[in-house]
Amino acid sequence: MKKSMVVAALAGLVAAVLLVVYRGVAEVFGPLVDTGWGLLLITLFHAVPLVLSAKGLQVLIIGHRTGLLQVTHLRWIREGINNLLPVAQVGGDFIGARLLTFFGIPGGLAGGSAVVSLTMEVLTQFLFTVLGFGLLLLVLGGRESEGLSWILFGLLTALPVLLGFVVAQRTGLFRLVERLFNRITKGLDLEWLGIGELSGLHDAIQTIYRSPRALISSALYHFFSWVIGAGEVWIALYFMGYPVSIWDALILESLGKAVRSAAFIVPGGLGVQEGGFMLLAPLLGLTPEVGLALSLAKRVREVALGAPSLFAWHVVEGRRLWQRRKPS
C-alpha cells in the first residue's frame, strides 16, 4: 500500500468534509437522515447490479465452469477493496483475479478474464456516460451550461484512450507484461500467493477476444448493470423527499460515476464524487446540499456492503493459508 495512495485518500476525505462544512452540515445531513429506511433499501438493491457485473465476468471465463455465486462473492470483495481501501480504484480487480485462482482457474485465464471484463466495464460505462450526457442535453433544452463543455471534453479525451487500451491488448501489451513478470519473479515461490507464473495471460486474452458471443454477453451484462444502478439514485432521492424521474436518475448516476472514474487514482473517489454530485444536482433543479446528501447515501451503502466484504476476503485468505499448512 503506497504512501501516495494514503495521502490521496486523506486529501479526498478532507475535501469531502470541507464541502459538507461549506454547504452546511445541517443542510446536508438533513436529507440524508430523512432517507431513513431508504438506506437499507439502497443497500439491498445494489445486489442487482452486483450480480449483473458478476455475470459480465463469468461469461469470459472460457473453458472453465465457475458458479455465479462464487464470482459474485469475488466481485463483492473486489468492490469492497476498491471502495474502502487506500488503493487506486482498480486495486480490487487485481485481487479479484488472484482469488479466481483459488477456485482452480489457471492464472493466465483468471488474469485475462479480469482484464477483458474490466475493459468491457469501462467501454460500457463510456456508453452509459454518453447516454447520460444526451439525456442532460434534452433536459436542458438548449440552455447553456459551463459544465456541458467539460463533460464533452472528458468524453472526447476518454475515447481514444479506451480504444488505445483495446488495441494494446490485441497487439501484445500483456505478452510483454507476462514476460516481464515471469522474468522478475523467476526462482521465487509465488504459489503461496495463489499466483504462480502468468503464463498464458496473453493467449487467454486473445482467446476471449476471438469469442464474440462472450464479449457481447459481457458488454450487455455490464451495460445493464450500469443502467440499473441508477435505481439507487432514484430510491435515495425519493426517500429524501426530492423525487426525480428515472431519466434524471440516469443522468445523475452516469455523470456522477464518470466524474468518480476520471479520478481513479483517488481511493474511492473521495471528495471527487461529492464535488461531482454537488455540481450536477443544480442542473436538474436540486440543491447542491441534496447532491452532497446523495453522495453520502452512496457512501453509507459502500460501507455497509464493503466492511463485511473485507472480512470475507480475510476469511478466504485464511482458509487457503490453513489448507496449505495442513499436513497432507
C-alpha atoms as a PDB file:
ATOM      1  CA  MET A   1       0.000   0.000   0.000  1.00  0.00           C
ATOM      2  CA  LYS A   2       1.857   3.107  -1.206  1.00  0.00           C
ATOM      3  CA  LYS A   3       2.116   6.242   0.900  1.00  0.00           C
ATOM      4  CA  SER A   4       0.885   8.260  -2.078  1.00  0.00           C
ATOM      5  CA  MET A   5      -2.399   6.345  -2.016  1.00  0.00           C
ATOM      6  CA  VAL A   6      -2.824   7.012   1.688  1.00  0.00           C
ATOM      7  CA  VAL A   7      -2.100  10.699   1.149  1.00  0.00           C
ATOM      8  CA  ALA A   8      -4.585  10.836  -1.745  1.00  0.00           C
ATOM      9  CA  ALA A   9      -7.239   9.127   0.366  1.00  0.00           C
ATOM     10  CA  LEU A  10      -6.707  11.518   3.277  1.00  0.00           C
ATOM     11  CA  ALA A  11      -6.757  14.531   0.953  1.00  0.00           C
ATOM     12  CA  GLY A  12     -10.002  13.308  -0.588  1.00  0.00           C
ATOM     13  CA  LEU A  13     -11.550  12.738   2.824  1.00  0.00           C
ATOM     14  CA  VAL A  14     -10.577  16.235   3.944  1.00  0.00           C
ATOM     15  CA  ALA A  15     -12.026  17.678   0.723  1.00  0.00           C
ATOM     16  CA  ALA A  16     -15.317  15.835   1.281  1.00  0.00           C
ATOM     17  CA  VAL A  17     -15.552  17.092   4.872  1.00  0.00           C
ATOM     18  CA  LEU A  18     -14.797  20.658   3.794  1.00  0.00           C
ATOM     19  CA  LEU A  19     -17.515  20.512   1.138  1.00  0.00           C
ATOM     20  CA  VAL A  20     -20.058  19.390   3.724  1.00  0.00           C
ATOM     21  CA  VAL A  21     -18.981  22.113   6.154  1.00  0.00           C
ATOM     22  CA  TYR A  22     -19.036  24.723   3.378  1.00  0.00           C
ATOM     23  CA  ARG A  23     -22.576  23.852   2.292  1.00  0.00           C
ATOM     24  CA  GLY A  24     -23.773  23.446   5.882  1.00  0.00           C
ATOM     25  CA  VAL A  25     -23.722  20.293   7.995  1.00  0.00           C
ATOM     26  CA  ALA A  26     -27.418  20.511   8.894  1.00  0.00           C
ATOM     27  CA  GLU A  27     -28.433  21.246   5.288  1.00  0.00           C
ATOM     28  CA  VAL A  28     -26.519  18.198   4.014  1.00  0.00           C
ATOM     29  CA  PHE A  29     -27.250  15.702   6.776  1.00  0.00           C
ATOM     30  CA  GLY A  30     -30.919  16.681   6.984  1.00  0.00           C
ATOM     31  CA  PRO A  31     -31.850  14.981   3.677  1.00  0.00           C
ATOM     32  CA  LEU A  32     -29.513  12.079   4.489  1.00  0.00           C
ATOM     33  CA  VAL A  33     -31.251  11.437   7.817  1.00  0.00           C
ATOM     34  CA  ASP A  34     -34.632  11.769   6.094  1.00  0.00           C
ATOM     35  CA  THR A  35     -33.656   8.842   3.860  1.00  0.00           C
ATOM     36  CA  GLY A  36     -34.173   6.567   6.879  1.00  0.00           C
ATOM     37  CA  TRP A  37     -35.017   3.018   5.880  1.00  0.00           C
ATOM     38  CA  GLY A  38     -34.308   4.001   2.296  1.00  0.00           C
ATOM     39  CA  LEU A  39     -30.620   3.471   3.072  1.00  0.00           C
ATOM     40  CA  LEU A  40     -31.341  -0.194   3.771  1.00  0.00           C
ATOM     41  CA  LEU A  41     -33.307  -0.468   0.536  1.00  0.00           C
ATOM     42  CA  ILE A  42     -30.440   1.119  -1.400  1.00  0.00           C
ATOM     43  CA  THR A  43     -28.030  -1.395   0.096  1.00  0.00           C
ATOM     44  CA  LEU A  44     -30.245  -4.364  -0.756  1.00  0.00           C
ATOM     45  CA  PHE A  45     -30.974  -3.017  -4.238  1.00  0.00           C
ATOM     46  CA  HIS A  46     -27.258  -2.930  -5.058  1.00  0.00           C
ATOM     47  CA  ALA A  47     -27.296  -6.725  -5.219  1.00  0.00           C
ATOM     48  CA  VAL A  48     -28.919  -6.464  -8.672  1.00  0.00           C
ATOM     49  CA  PRO A  49     -26.139  -4.535 -10.467  1.00  0.00           C
ATOM     50  CA  LEU A  50     -23.573  -6.542  -8.495  1.00  0.00           C
ATOM     51  CA  VAL A  51     -24.891  -9.859  -9.846  1.00  0.00           C
ATOM     52  CA  LEU A  52     -25.098  -8.460 -13.388  1.00  0.00           C
ATOM     53  CA  SER A  53     -21.494  -7.296 -13.118  1.00  0.00           C
ATOM     54  CA  ALA A  54     -20.500 -10.759 -11.898  1.00  0.00           C
ATOM     55  CA  LYS A  55     -22.218 -12.316 -14.924  1.00  0.00           C
ATOM     56  CA  GLY A  56     -20.189  -9.944 -17.098  1.00  0.00           C
ATOM     57  CA  LEU A  57     -17.057 -11.602 -15.732  1.00  0.00           C
ATOM     58  CA  GLN A  58     -18.369 -15.165 -15.558  1.00  0.00           C
ATOM     59  CA  VAL A  59     -19.137 -15.398 -19.292  1.00  0.00           C
ATOM     60  CA  LEU A  60     -15.499 -14.558 -20.065  1.00  0.00           C
ATOM     61  CA  ILE A  61     -14.033 -17.451 -18.061  1.00  0.00           C
ATOM     62  CA  ILE A  62     -13.955 -19.625 -21.153  1.00  0.00           C
ATOM     63  CA  GLY A  63     -13.341 -23.349 -20.781  1.00  0.00           C
ATOM     64  CA  HIS A  64     -13.944 -23.495 -17.026  1.00  0.00           C
ATOM     65  CA  ARG A  65     -17.237 -23.729 -15.196  1.00  0.00           C
ATOM     66  CA  THR A  66     -17.404 -21.256 -12.341  1.00  0.00           C
ATOM     67  CA  GLY A  67     -20.561 -20.785 -10.313  1.00  0.00           C
ATOM     68  CA  LEU A  68     -22.293 -17.411 -10.370  1.00  0.00           C
ATOM     69  CA  LEU A  69     -22.382 -17.391  -6.572  1.00  0.00           C
ATOM     70  CA  GLN A  70     -18.591 -17.762  -6.442  1.00  0.00           C
ATOM     71  CA  VAL A  71     -17.991 -15.000  -8.982  1.00  0.00           C
ATOM     72  CA  THR A  72     -20.492 -12.696  -7.260  1.00  0.00           C
ATOM     73  CA  HIS A  73     -18.688 -13.326  -3.986  1.00  0.00           C
ATOM     74  CA  LEU A  74     -15.407 -12.269  -5.570  1.00  0.00           C
ATOM     75  CA  ARG A  75     -16.971  -9.180  -7.196  1.00  0.00           C
ATOM     76  CA  TRP A  76     -18.352  -8.217  -3.799  1.00  0.00           C
ATOM     77  CA  ILE A  77     -14.856  -8.441  -2.311  1.00  0.00           C
ATOM     78  CA  ARG A  78     -13.441  -6.521  -5.268  1.00  0.00           C
ATOM     79  CA  GLU A  79     -15.917  -3.679  -4.723  1.00  0.00           C
ATOM     80  CA  GLY A  80     -15.130  -3.515  -1.028  1.00  0.00           C
ATOM     81  CA  ILE A  81     -11.407  -3.206  -1.743  1.00  0.00           C
ATOM     82  CA  ASN A  82     -11.892  -0.524  -4.396  1.00  0.00           C
ATOM     83  CA  ASN A  83     -14.342   1.472  -2.276  1.00  0.00           C
ATOM     84  CA  LEU A  84     -12.817   1.296   1.189  1.00  0.00           C
ATOM     85  CA  LEU A  85      -9.080   0.654   0.980  1.00  0.00           C
ATOM     86  CA  PRO A  86      -6.442   3.261   0.043  1.00  0.00           C
ATOM     87  CA  VAL A  87      -5.715   1.739  -3.355  1.00  0.00           C
ATOM     88  CA  ALA A  88      -6.363   3.087  -6.839  1.00  0.00           C
ATOM     89  CA  GLN A  89      -9.881   2.188  -7.946  1.00  0.00           C
ATOM     90  CA  VAL A  90      -8.600  -0.833  -9.898  1.00  0.00           C
ATOM     91  CA  GLY A  91      -6.748  -2.451  -6.995  1.00  0.00           C
ATOM     92  CA  GLY A  92      -9.672  -4.736  -6.272  1.00  0.00           C
ATOM     93  CA  ASP A  93      -9.572  -6.089  -9.825  1.00  0.00           C
ATOM     94  CA  PHE A  94      -6.071  -7.488  -9.306  1.00  0.00           C
ATOM     95  CA  ILE A  95      -7.111  -9.093  -6.030  1.00  0.00           C
ATOM     96  CA  GLY A  96     -10.258 -10.472  -7.654  1.00  0.00           C
ATOM     97  CA  ALA A  97      -8.243 -12.080 -10.454  1.00  0.00           C
ATOM     98  CA  ARG A  98      -5.931 -13.648  -7.900  1.00  0.00           C
ATOM     99  CA  LEU A  99      -8.847 -15.011  -5.871  1.00  0.00           C
ATOM    100  CA  LEU A 100     -10.222 -16.652  -9.021  1.00  0.00           C
ATOM    101  CA  THR A 101      -7.204 -18.946  -8.977  1.00  0.00           C
ATOM    102  CA  PHE A 102      -8.381 -20.256  -5.595  1.00  0.00           C
ATOM    103  CA  PHE A 103     -11.253 -21.911  -7.476  1.00  0.00           C
ATOM    104  CA  GLY A 104      -8.988 -23.781  -9.872  1.00  0.00           C
ATOM    105  CA  ILE A 105      -8.850 -21.170 -12.638  1.00  0.00           C
ATOM    106  CA  PRO A 106      -5.358 -21.003 -14.224  1.00  0.00           C
ATOM    107  CA  GLY A 107      -3.520 -17.752 -13.507  1.00  0.00           C
ATOM    108  CA  GLY A 108      -3.402 -16.727 -17.161  1.00  0.00           C
ATOM    109  CA  LEU A 109      -7.135 -17.217 -17.670  1.00  0.00           C
ATOM    110  CA  ALA A 110      -8.005 -15.562 -14.350  1.00  0.00           C
ATOM    111  CA  GLY A 111      -5.953 -12.513 -15.271  1.00  0.00           C
ATOM    112  CA  GLY A 112      -7.156 -12.483 -18.871  1.00  0.00           C
ATOM    113  CA  SER A 113     -10.837 -12.678 -17.990  1.00  0.00           C
ATOM    114  CA  ALA A 114     -10.378  -9.925 -15.381  1.00  0.00           C
ATOM    115  CA  VAL A 115      -8.623  -7.667 -17.897  1.00  0.00           C
ATOM    116  CA  VAL A 116     -11.243  -8.127 -20.616  1.00  0.00           C
ATOM    117  CA  SER A 117     -14.097  -7.822 -18.112  1.00  0.00           C
ATOM    118  CA  LEU A 118     -12.646  -4.533 -16.869  1.00  0.00           C
ATOM    119  CA  THR A 119     -12.318  -3.404 -20.487  1.00  0.00           C
ATOM    120  CA  MET A 120     -15.967  -4.214 -21.211  1.00  0.00           C
ATOM    121  CA  GLU A 121     -16.931  -2.495 -17.978  1.00  0.00           C
ATOM    122  CA  VAL A 122     -15.084   0.693 -18.909  1.00  0.00           C
ATOM    123  CA  LEU A 123     -16.305   0.717 -22.518  1.00  0.00           C
ATOM    124  CA  THR A 124     -19.926   0.267 -21.470  1.00  0.00           C
ATOM    125  CA  GLN A 125     -19.505   2.948 -18.819  1.00  0.00           C
ATOM    126  CA  PHE A 126     -18.408   5.265 -21.618  1.00  0.00           C
ATOM    127  CA  LEU A 127     -21.620   4.451 -23.496  1.00  0.00           C
ATOM    128  CA  PHE A 128     -23.599   4.952 -20.286  1.00  0.00           C
ATOM    129  CA  THR A 129     -21.973   8.363 -19.847  1.00  0.00           C
ATOM    130  CA  VAL A 130     -22.838   9.290 -23.441  1.00  0.00           C
ATOM    131  CA  LEU A 131     -26.436   8.261 -22.701  1.00  0.00           C
ATOM    132  CA  GLY A 132     -26.484  10.457 -19.602  1.00  0.00           C
ATOM    133  CA  PHE A 133     -24.955  13.383 -21.489  1.00  0.00           C
ATOM    134  CA  GLY A 134     -27.550  13.066 -24.244  1.00  0.00           C
ATOM    135  CA  LEU A 135     -30.377  12.990 -21.704  1.00  0.00           C
ATOM    136  CA  LEU A 136     -28.926  16.055 -19.975  1.00  0.00           C
ATOM    137  CA  LEU A 137     -28.920  17.956 -23.275  1.00  0.00           C
ATOM    138  CA  LEU A 138     -32.602  17.100 -23.711  1.00  0.00           C
ATOM    139  CA  VAL A 139     -33.431  18.169 -20.163  1.00  0.00           C
ATOM    140  CA  LEU A 140     -31.610  21.488 -20.516  1.00  0.00           C
ATOM    141  CA  GLY A 141     -33.361  22.124 -23.822  1.00  0.00           C
ATOM    142  CA  GLY A 142     -30.586  24.184 -25.350  1.00  0.00           C
ATOM    143  CA  ARG A 143     -29.797  26.196 -22.223  1.00  0.00           C
ATOM    144  CA  GLU A 144     -26.109  26.958 -21.886  1.00  0.00           C
ATOM    145  CA  SER A 145     -24.116  25.426 -19.066  1.00  0.00           C
ATOM    146  CA  GLU A 146     -20.389  25.633 -18.446  1.00  0.00           C
ATOM    147  CA  GLY A 147     -20.442  22.046 -17.218  1.00  0.00           C
ATOM    148  CA  LEU A 148     -21.543  20.739 -20.629  1.00  0.00           C
ATOM    149  CA  SER A 149     -18.295  21.722 -22.314  1.00  0.00           C
ATOM    150  CA  TRP A 150     -16.283  19.978 -19.603  1.00  0.00           C
ATOM    151  CA  ILE A 151     -18.335  16.798 -19.946  1.00  0.00           C
ATOM    152  CA  LEU A 152     -17.913  16.842 -23.728  1.00  0.00           C
ATOM    153  CA  PHE A 153     -14.172  17.440 -23.335  1.00  0.00           C
ATOM    154  CA  GLY A 154     -13.953  14.466 -20.980  1.00  0.00           C
ATOM    155  CA  LEU A 155     -15.776  12.199 -23.419  1.00  0.00           C
ATOM    156  CA  LEU A 156     -13.620  13.244 -26.372  1.00  0.00           C
ATOM    157  CA  THR A 157     -10.477  12.727 -24.300  1.00  0.00           C
ATOM    158  CA  ALA A 158     -11.520   9.341 -22.943  1.00  0.00           C
ATOM    159  CA  LEU A 159     -12.500   7.763 -26.271  1.00  0.00           C
ATOM    160  CA  PRO A 160      -9.017   7.487 -27.863  1.00  0.00           C
ATOM    161  CA  VAL A 161      -7.574   6.304 -24.535  1.00  0.00           C
ATOM    162  CA  LEU A 162     -10.132   3.492 -24.293  1.00  0.00           C
ATOM    163  CA  LEU A 163      -9.689   2.448 -27.910  1.00  0.00           C
ATOM    164  CA  GLY A 164      -5.918   2.549 -27.479  1.00  0.00           C
ATOM    165  CA  PHE A 165      -6.163   0.218 -24.485  1.00  0.00           C
ATOM    166  CA  VAL A 166      -8.180  -2.293 -26.532  1.00  0.00           C
ATOM    167  CA  VAL A 167      -5.706  -2.121 -29.425  1.00  0.00           C
ATOM    168  CA  ALA A 168      -2.797  -2.581 -26.997  1.00  0.00           C
ATOM    169  CA  GLN A 169      -4.402  -5.753 -25.645  1.00  0.00           C
ATOM    170  CA  ARG A 170      -4.814  -7.121 -29.146  1.00  0.00           C
ATOM    171  CA  THR A 171      -1.259  -6.293 -30.210  1.00  0.00           C
ATOM    172  CA  GLY A 172       0.729  -7.820 -27.382  1.00  0.00           C
ATOM    173  CA  LEU A 173       0.750  -5.469 -24.389  1.00  0.00           C
ATOM    174  CA  PHE A 174       0.044  -8.301 -21.985  1.00  0.00           C
ATOM    175  CA  ARG A 175       2.538 -10.641 -23.631  1.00  0.00           C
ATOM    176  CA  LEU A 176       5.114  -8.066 -22.561  1.00  0.00           C
ATOM    177  CA  VAL A 177       3.570  -7.858 -19.076  1.00  0.00           C
ATOM    178  CA  GLU A 178       3.615 -11.652 -18.865  1.00  0.00           C
ATOM    179  CA  ARG A 179       7.277 -11.909 -19.850  1.00  0.00           C
ATOM    180  CA  LEU A 180       8.397  -9.114 -17.528  1.00  0.00           C
ATOM    181  CA  PHE A 181       6.502 -10.570 -14.574  1.00  0.00           C
ATOM    182  CA  ASN A 182       7.845 -14.072 -15.097  1.00  0.00           C
ATOM    183  CA  ARG A 183      11.382 -12.750 -15.561  1.00  0.00           C
ATOM    184  CA  ILE A 184      11.264 -10.617 -12.404  1.00  0.00           C
ATOM    185  CA  THR A 185       9.793 -13.417 -10.298  1.00  0.00           C
ATOM    186  CA  LYS A 186      11.912 -16.227 -11.755  1.00  0.00           C
ATOM    187  CA  GLY A 187      13.060 -18.554  -8.997  1.00  0.00           C
ATOM    188  CA  LEU A 188      10.635 -17.142  -6.446  1.00  0.00           C
ATOM    189  CA  ASP A 189       7.961 -19.296  -4.833  1.00  0.00           C
ATOM    190  CA  LEU A 190       4.749 -17.412  -5.586  1.00  0.00           C
ATOM    191  CA  GLU A 191       2.450 -20.371  -5.120  1.00  0.00           C
ATOM    192  CA  TRP A 192       1.547 -19.240  -1.616  1.00  0.00           C
ATOM    193  CA  LEU A 193       0.169 -16.038  -3.163  1.00  0.00           C
ATOM    194  CA  GLY A 194      -2.079 -18.012  -5.454  1.00  0.00           C
ATOM    195  CA  ILE A 195      -0.393 -16.505  -8.491  1.00  0.00           C
ATOM    196  CA  GLY A 196       2.347 -18.713  -9.822  1.00  0.00           C
ATOM    197  CA  GLU A 197       3.520 -17.699 -13.269  1.00  0.00           C
ATOM    198  CA  LEU A 198       1.364 -15.559 -15.520  1.00  0.00           C
ATOM    199  CA  SER A 199       1.932 -17.988 -18.375  1.00  0.00           C
ATOM    200  CA  GLY A 200      -0.979 -17.879 -20.772  1.00  0.00           C
ATOM    201  CA  LEU A 201      -2.170 -14.351 -19.934  1.00  0.00           C
ATOM    202  CA  HIS A 202      -1.740 -13.007 -23.465  1.00  0.00           C
ATOM    203  CA  ASP A 203      -3.140 -16.165 -25.054  1.00  0.00           C
ATOM    204  CA  ALA A 204      -6.154 -16.120 -22.722  1.00  0.00           C
ATOM    205  CA  ILE A 205      -6.927 -12.520 -23.679  1.00  0.00           C
ATOM    206  CA  GLN A 206      -6.671 -13.344 -27.394  1.00  0.00           C
ATOM    207  CA  THR A 207      -8.930 -16.385 -26.958  1.00  0.00           C
ATOM    208  CA  ILE A 208     -11.568 -14.250 -25.257  1.00  0.00           C
ATOM    209  CA  TYR A 209     -11.396 -11.603 -27.991  1.00  0.00           C
ATOM    210  CA  ARG A 210     -11.943 -14.353 -30.562  1.00  0.00           C
ATOM    211  CA  SER A 211     -15.224 -15.205 -28.814  1.00  0.00           C
ATOM    212  CA  PRO A 212     -17.687 -12.507 -29.965  1.00  0.00           C
ATOM    213  CA  ARG A 213     -20.596 -14.152 -28.186  1.00  0.00           C
ATOM    214  CA  ALA A 214     -18.787 -13.958 -24.841  1.00  0.00           C
ATOM    215  CA  LEU A 215     -17.730 -10.356 -25.488  1.00  0.00           C
ATOM    216  CA  ILE A 216     -21.226  -9.216 -26.445  1.00  0.00           C
ATOM    217  CA  SER A 217     -22.758 -11.017 -23.472  1.00  0.00           C
ATOM    218  CA  SER A 218     -20.238  -9.453 -21.106  1.00  0.00           C
ATOM    219  CA  ALA A 219     -20.812  -5.986 -22.553  1.00  0.00           C
ATOM    220  CA  LEU A 220     -24.590  -6.317 -22.226  1.00  0.00           C
ATOM    221  CA  TYR A 221     -24.392  -7.527 -18.638  1.00  0.00           C
ATOM    222  CA  HIS A 222     -22.082  -4.662 -17.695  1.00  0.00           C
ATOM    223  CA  PHE A 223     -24.176  -2.066 -19.530  1.00  0.00           C
ATOM    224  CA  PHE A 224     -27.386  -3.125 -17.824  1.00  0.00           C
ATOM    225  CA  SER A 225     -25.518  -3.184 -14.527  1.00  0.00           C
ATOM    226  CA  TRP A 226     -24.700   0.496 -15.049  1.00  0.00           C
ATOM    227  CA  VAL A 227     -28.246   1.367 -16.115  1.00  0.00           C
ATOM    228  CA  ILE A 228     -29.988  -0.479 -13.294  1.00  0.00           C
ATOM    229  CA  GLY A 229     -27.580   1.117 -10.831  1.00  0.00           C
ATOM    230  CA  ALA A 230     -29.438   4.385 -11.465  1.00  0.00           C
ATOM    231  CA  GLY A 231     -32.253   2.908  -9.403  1.00  0.00           C
ATOM    232  CA  GLU A 232     -30.081   3.562  -6.359  1.00  0.00           C
ATOM    233  CA  VAL A 233     -30.194   7.309  -7.086  1.00  0.00           C
ATOM    234  CA  TRP A 234     -33.945   7.242  -7.698  1.00  0.00           C
ATOM    235  CA  ILE A 235     -34.606   5.398  -4.417  1.00  0.00           C
ATOM    236  CA  ALA A 236     -32.334   7.684  -2.385  1.00  0.00           C
ATOM    237  CA  LEU A 237     -33.868  10.904  -3.687  1.00  0.00           C
ATOM    238  CA  TYR A 238     -37.398   9.544  -3.301  1.00  0.00           C
ATOM    239  CA  PHE A 239     -36.855   8.813   0.384  1.00  0.00           C
ATOM    240  CA  MET A 240     -35.107  12.153   0.885  1.00  0.00           C
ATOM    241  CA  GLY A 241     -38.258  13.866  -0.300  1.00  0.00           C
ATOM    242  CA  TYR A 242     -36.866  15.003  -3.647  1.00  0.00           C
ATOM    243  CA  PRO A 243     -38.357  12.556  -6.159  1.00  0.00           C
ATOM    244  CA  VAL A 244     -36.956  12.714  -9.682  1.00  0.00           C
ATOM    245  CA  SER A 245     -37.773  10.972 -12.943  1.00  0.00           C
ATOM    246  CA  ILE A 246     -35.877   7.852 -13.942  1.00  0.00           C
ATOM    247  CA  TRP A 247     -34.243   9.962 -16.674  1.00  0.00           C
ATOM    248  CA  ASP A 248     -32.890  12.417 -14.125  1.00  0.00           C
ATOM    249  CA  ALA A 249     -31.669   9.471 -12.050  1.00  0.00           C
ATOM    250  CA  LEU A 250     -29.851   8.103 -15.107  1.00  0.00           C
ATOM    251  CA  ILE A 251     -28.202  11.479 -15.684  1.00  0.00           C
ATOM    252  CA  LEU A 252     -27.003  11.764 -12.095  1.00  0.00           C
ATOM    253  CA  GLU A 253     -25.775   8.168 -11.923  1.00  0.00           C
ATOM    254  CA  SER A 254     -23.977   8.160 -15.277  1.00  0.00           C
ATOM    255  CA  LEU A 255     -22.260  11.524 -14.952  1.00  0.00           C
ATOM    256  CA  GLY A 256     -21.574  11.062 -11.244  1.00  0.00           C
ATOM    257  CA  LYS A 257     -19.883   7.721 -11.947  1.00  0.00           C
ATOM    258  CA  ALA A 258     -17.930   9.292 -14.808  1.00  0.00           C
ATOM    259  CA  VAL A 259     -16.552  12.033 -12.558  1.00  0.00           C
ATOM    260  CA  ARG A 260     -15.535   9.472  -9.955  1.00  0.00           C
ATOM    261  CA  SER A 261     -13.921   7.160 -12.515  1.00  0.00           C
ATOM    262  CA  ALA A 262     -11.968  10.041 -14.059  1.00  0.00           C
ATOM    263  CA  ALA A 263     -10.248  10.440 -10.688  1.00  0.00           C
ATOM    264  CA  PHE A 264      -9.478   6.705 -10.430  1.00  0.00           C
ATOM    265  CA  ILE A 265      -6.149   7.438  -8.786  1.00  0.00           C
ATOM    266  CA  VAL A 266      -8.005   8.821  -5.732  1.00  0.00           C
ATOM    267  CA  PRO A 267      -9.060   5.895  -3.499  1.00  0.00           C
ATOM    268  CA  GLY A 268     -12.830   5.552  -3.548  1.00  0.00           C
ATOM    269  CA  GLY A 269     -13.088   8.839  -5.427  1.00  0.00           C
ATOM    270  CA  LEU A 270     -13.187  10.534  -2.015  1.00  0.00           C
ATOM    271  CA  GLY A 271     -14.058  14.197  -2.349  1.00  0.00           C
ATOM    272  CA  VAL A 272     -14.299  13.914  -6.126  1.00  0.00           C
ATOM    273  CA  GLN A 273     -17.642  12.098  -6.081  1.00  0.00           C
ATOM    274  CA  GLU A 274     -19.002  14.580  -3.551  1.00  0.00           C
ATOM    275  CA  GLY A 275     -17.931  17.538  -5.659  1.00  0.00           C
ATOM    276  CA  GLY A 276     -19.369  15.938  -8.779  1.00  0.00           C
ATOM    277  CA  PHE A 277     -22.830  15.397  -7.329  1.00  0.00           C
ATOM    278  CA  MET A 278     -22.787  18.868  -5.776  1.00  0.00           C
ATOM    279  CA  LEU A 279     -22.236  20.389  -9.240  1.00  0.00           C
ATOM    280  CA  LEU A 280     -24.595  18.073 -11.127  1.00  0.00           C
ATOM    281  CA  ALA A 281     -27.597  18.426  -8.810  1.00  0.00           C
ATOM    282  CA  PRO A 282     -28.400  22.081  -9.692  1.00  0.00           C
ATOM    283  CA  LEU A 283     -28.533  21.191 -13.404  1.00  0.00           C
ATOM    284  CA  LEU A 284     -31.627  19.122 -12.573  1.00  0.00           C
ATOM    285  CA  GLY A 285     -33.268  21.563 -10.200  1.00  0.00           C
ATOM    286  CA  LEU A 286     -31.844  20.120  -6.987  1.00  0.00           C
ATOM    287  CA  THR A 287     -29.742  21.992  -4.454  1.00  0.00           C
ATOM    288  CA  PRO A 288     -26.008  21.335  -4.044  1.00  0.00           C
ATOM    289  CA  GLU A 289     -26.783  20.168  -0.498  1.00  0.00           C
ATOM    290  CA  VAL A 290     -29.089  17.446  -1.816  1.00  0.00           C
ATOM    291  CA  GLY A 291     -26.359  16.414  -4.255  1.00  0.00           C
ATOM    292  CA  LEU A 292     -23.933  16.043  -1.367  1.00  0.00           C
ATOM    293  CA  ALA A 293     -26.509  14.108   0.662  1.00  0.00           C
ATOM    294  CA  LEU A 294     -26.977  11.755  -2.302  1.00  0.00           C
ATOM    295  CA  SER A 295     -23.233  11.139  -2.457  1.00  0.00           C
ATOM    296  CA  LEU A 296     -23.141  10.414   1.280  1.00  0.00           C
ATOM    297  CA  ALA A 297     -26.057   7.985   0.925  1.00  0.00           C
ATOM    298  CA  LYS A 298     -23.941   6.105  -1.595  1.00  0.00           C
ATOM    299  CA  ARG A 299     -21.053   6.133   0.873  1.00  0.00           C
ATOM    300  CA  VAL A 300     -23.287   4.592   3.536  1.00  0.00           C
ATOM    301  CA  ARG A 301     -24.144   1.776   1.131  1.00  0.00           C
ATOM    302  CA  GLU A 302     -20.476   1.289   0.257  1.00  0.00           C
ATOM    303  CA  VAL A 303     -19.513   0.952   3.912  1.00  0.00           C
ATOM    304  CA  ALA A 304     -22.498  -1.290   4.727  1.00  0.00           C
ATOM    305  CA  LEU A 305     -21.541  -3.727   1.966  1.00  0.00           C
ATOM    306  CA  GLY A 306     -17.805  -3.112   1.873  1.00  0.00           C
ATOM    307  CA  ALA A 307     -16.903  -3.724   5.513  1.00  0.00           C
ATOM    308  CA  PRO A 308     -18.338  -7.284   5.542  1.00  0.00           C
ATOM    309  CA  SER A 309     -16.713  -7.959   2.155  1.00  0.00           C
ATOM    310  CA  LEU A 310     -13.275  -7.125   3.564  1.00  0.00           C
ATOM    311  CA  PHE A 311     -13.920  -9.558   6.397  1.00  0.00           C
ATOM    312  CA  ALA A 312     -14.993 -12.168   3.822  1.00  0.00           C
ATOM    313  CA  TRP A 313     -11.748 -11.542   1.936  1.00  0.00           C
ATOM    314  CA  HIS A 314      -9.710 -12.336   5.044  1.00  0.00           C
ATOM    315  CA  VAL A 315     -11.793 -15.470   5.613  1.00  0.00           C
ATOM    316  CA  VAL A 316     -10.974 -16.658   2.073  1.00  0.00           C
ATOM    317  CA  GLU A 317      -7.289 -15.880   2.559  1.00  0.00           C
ATOM    318  CA  GLY A 318      -7.231 -17.544   5.980  1.00  0.00           C
ATOM    319  CA  ARG A 319      -8.919 -20.677   4.679  1.00  0.00           C
ATOM    320  CA  ARG A 320      -6.368 -21.007   1.883  1.00  0.00           C
ATOM    321  CA  LEU A 321      -3.472 -20.473   4.285  1.00  0.00           C
ATOM    322  CA  TRP A 322      -4.904 -23.087   6.649  1.00  0.00           C
ATOM    323  CA  GLN A 323      -5.322 -25.601   3.833  1.00  0.00           C
ATOM    324  CA  ARG A 324      -1.709 -25.104   2.742  1.00  0.00           C
ATOM    325  CA  ARG A 325      -0.430 -25.641   6.272  1.00  0.00           C
ATOM    326  CA  LYS A 326      -2.454 -28.785   6.906  1.00  0.00           C
ATOM    327  CA  PRO A 327      -0.311 -31.907   6.673  1.00  0.00           C
ATOM    328  CA  SER A 328      -1.166 -33.963   3.625  1.00  0.00           C
END
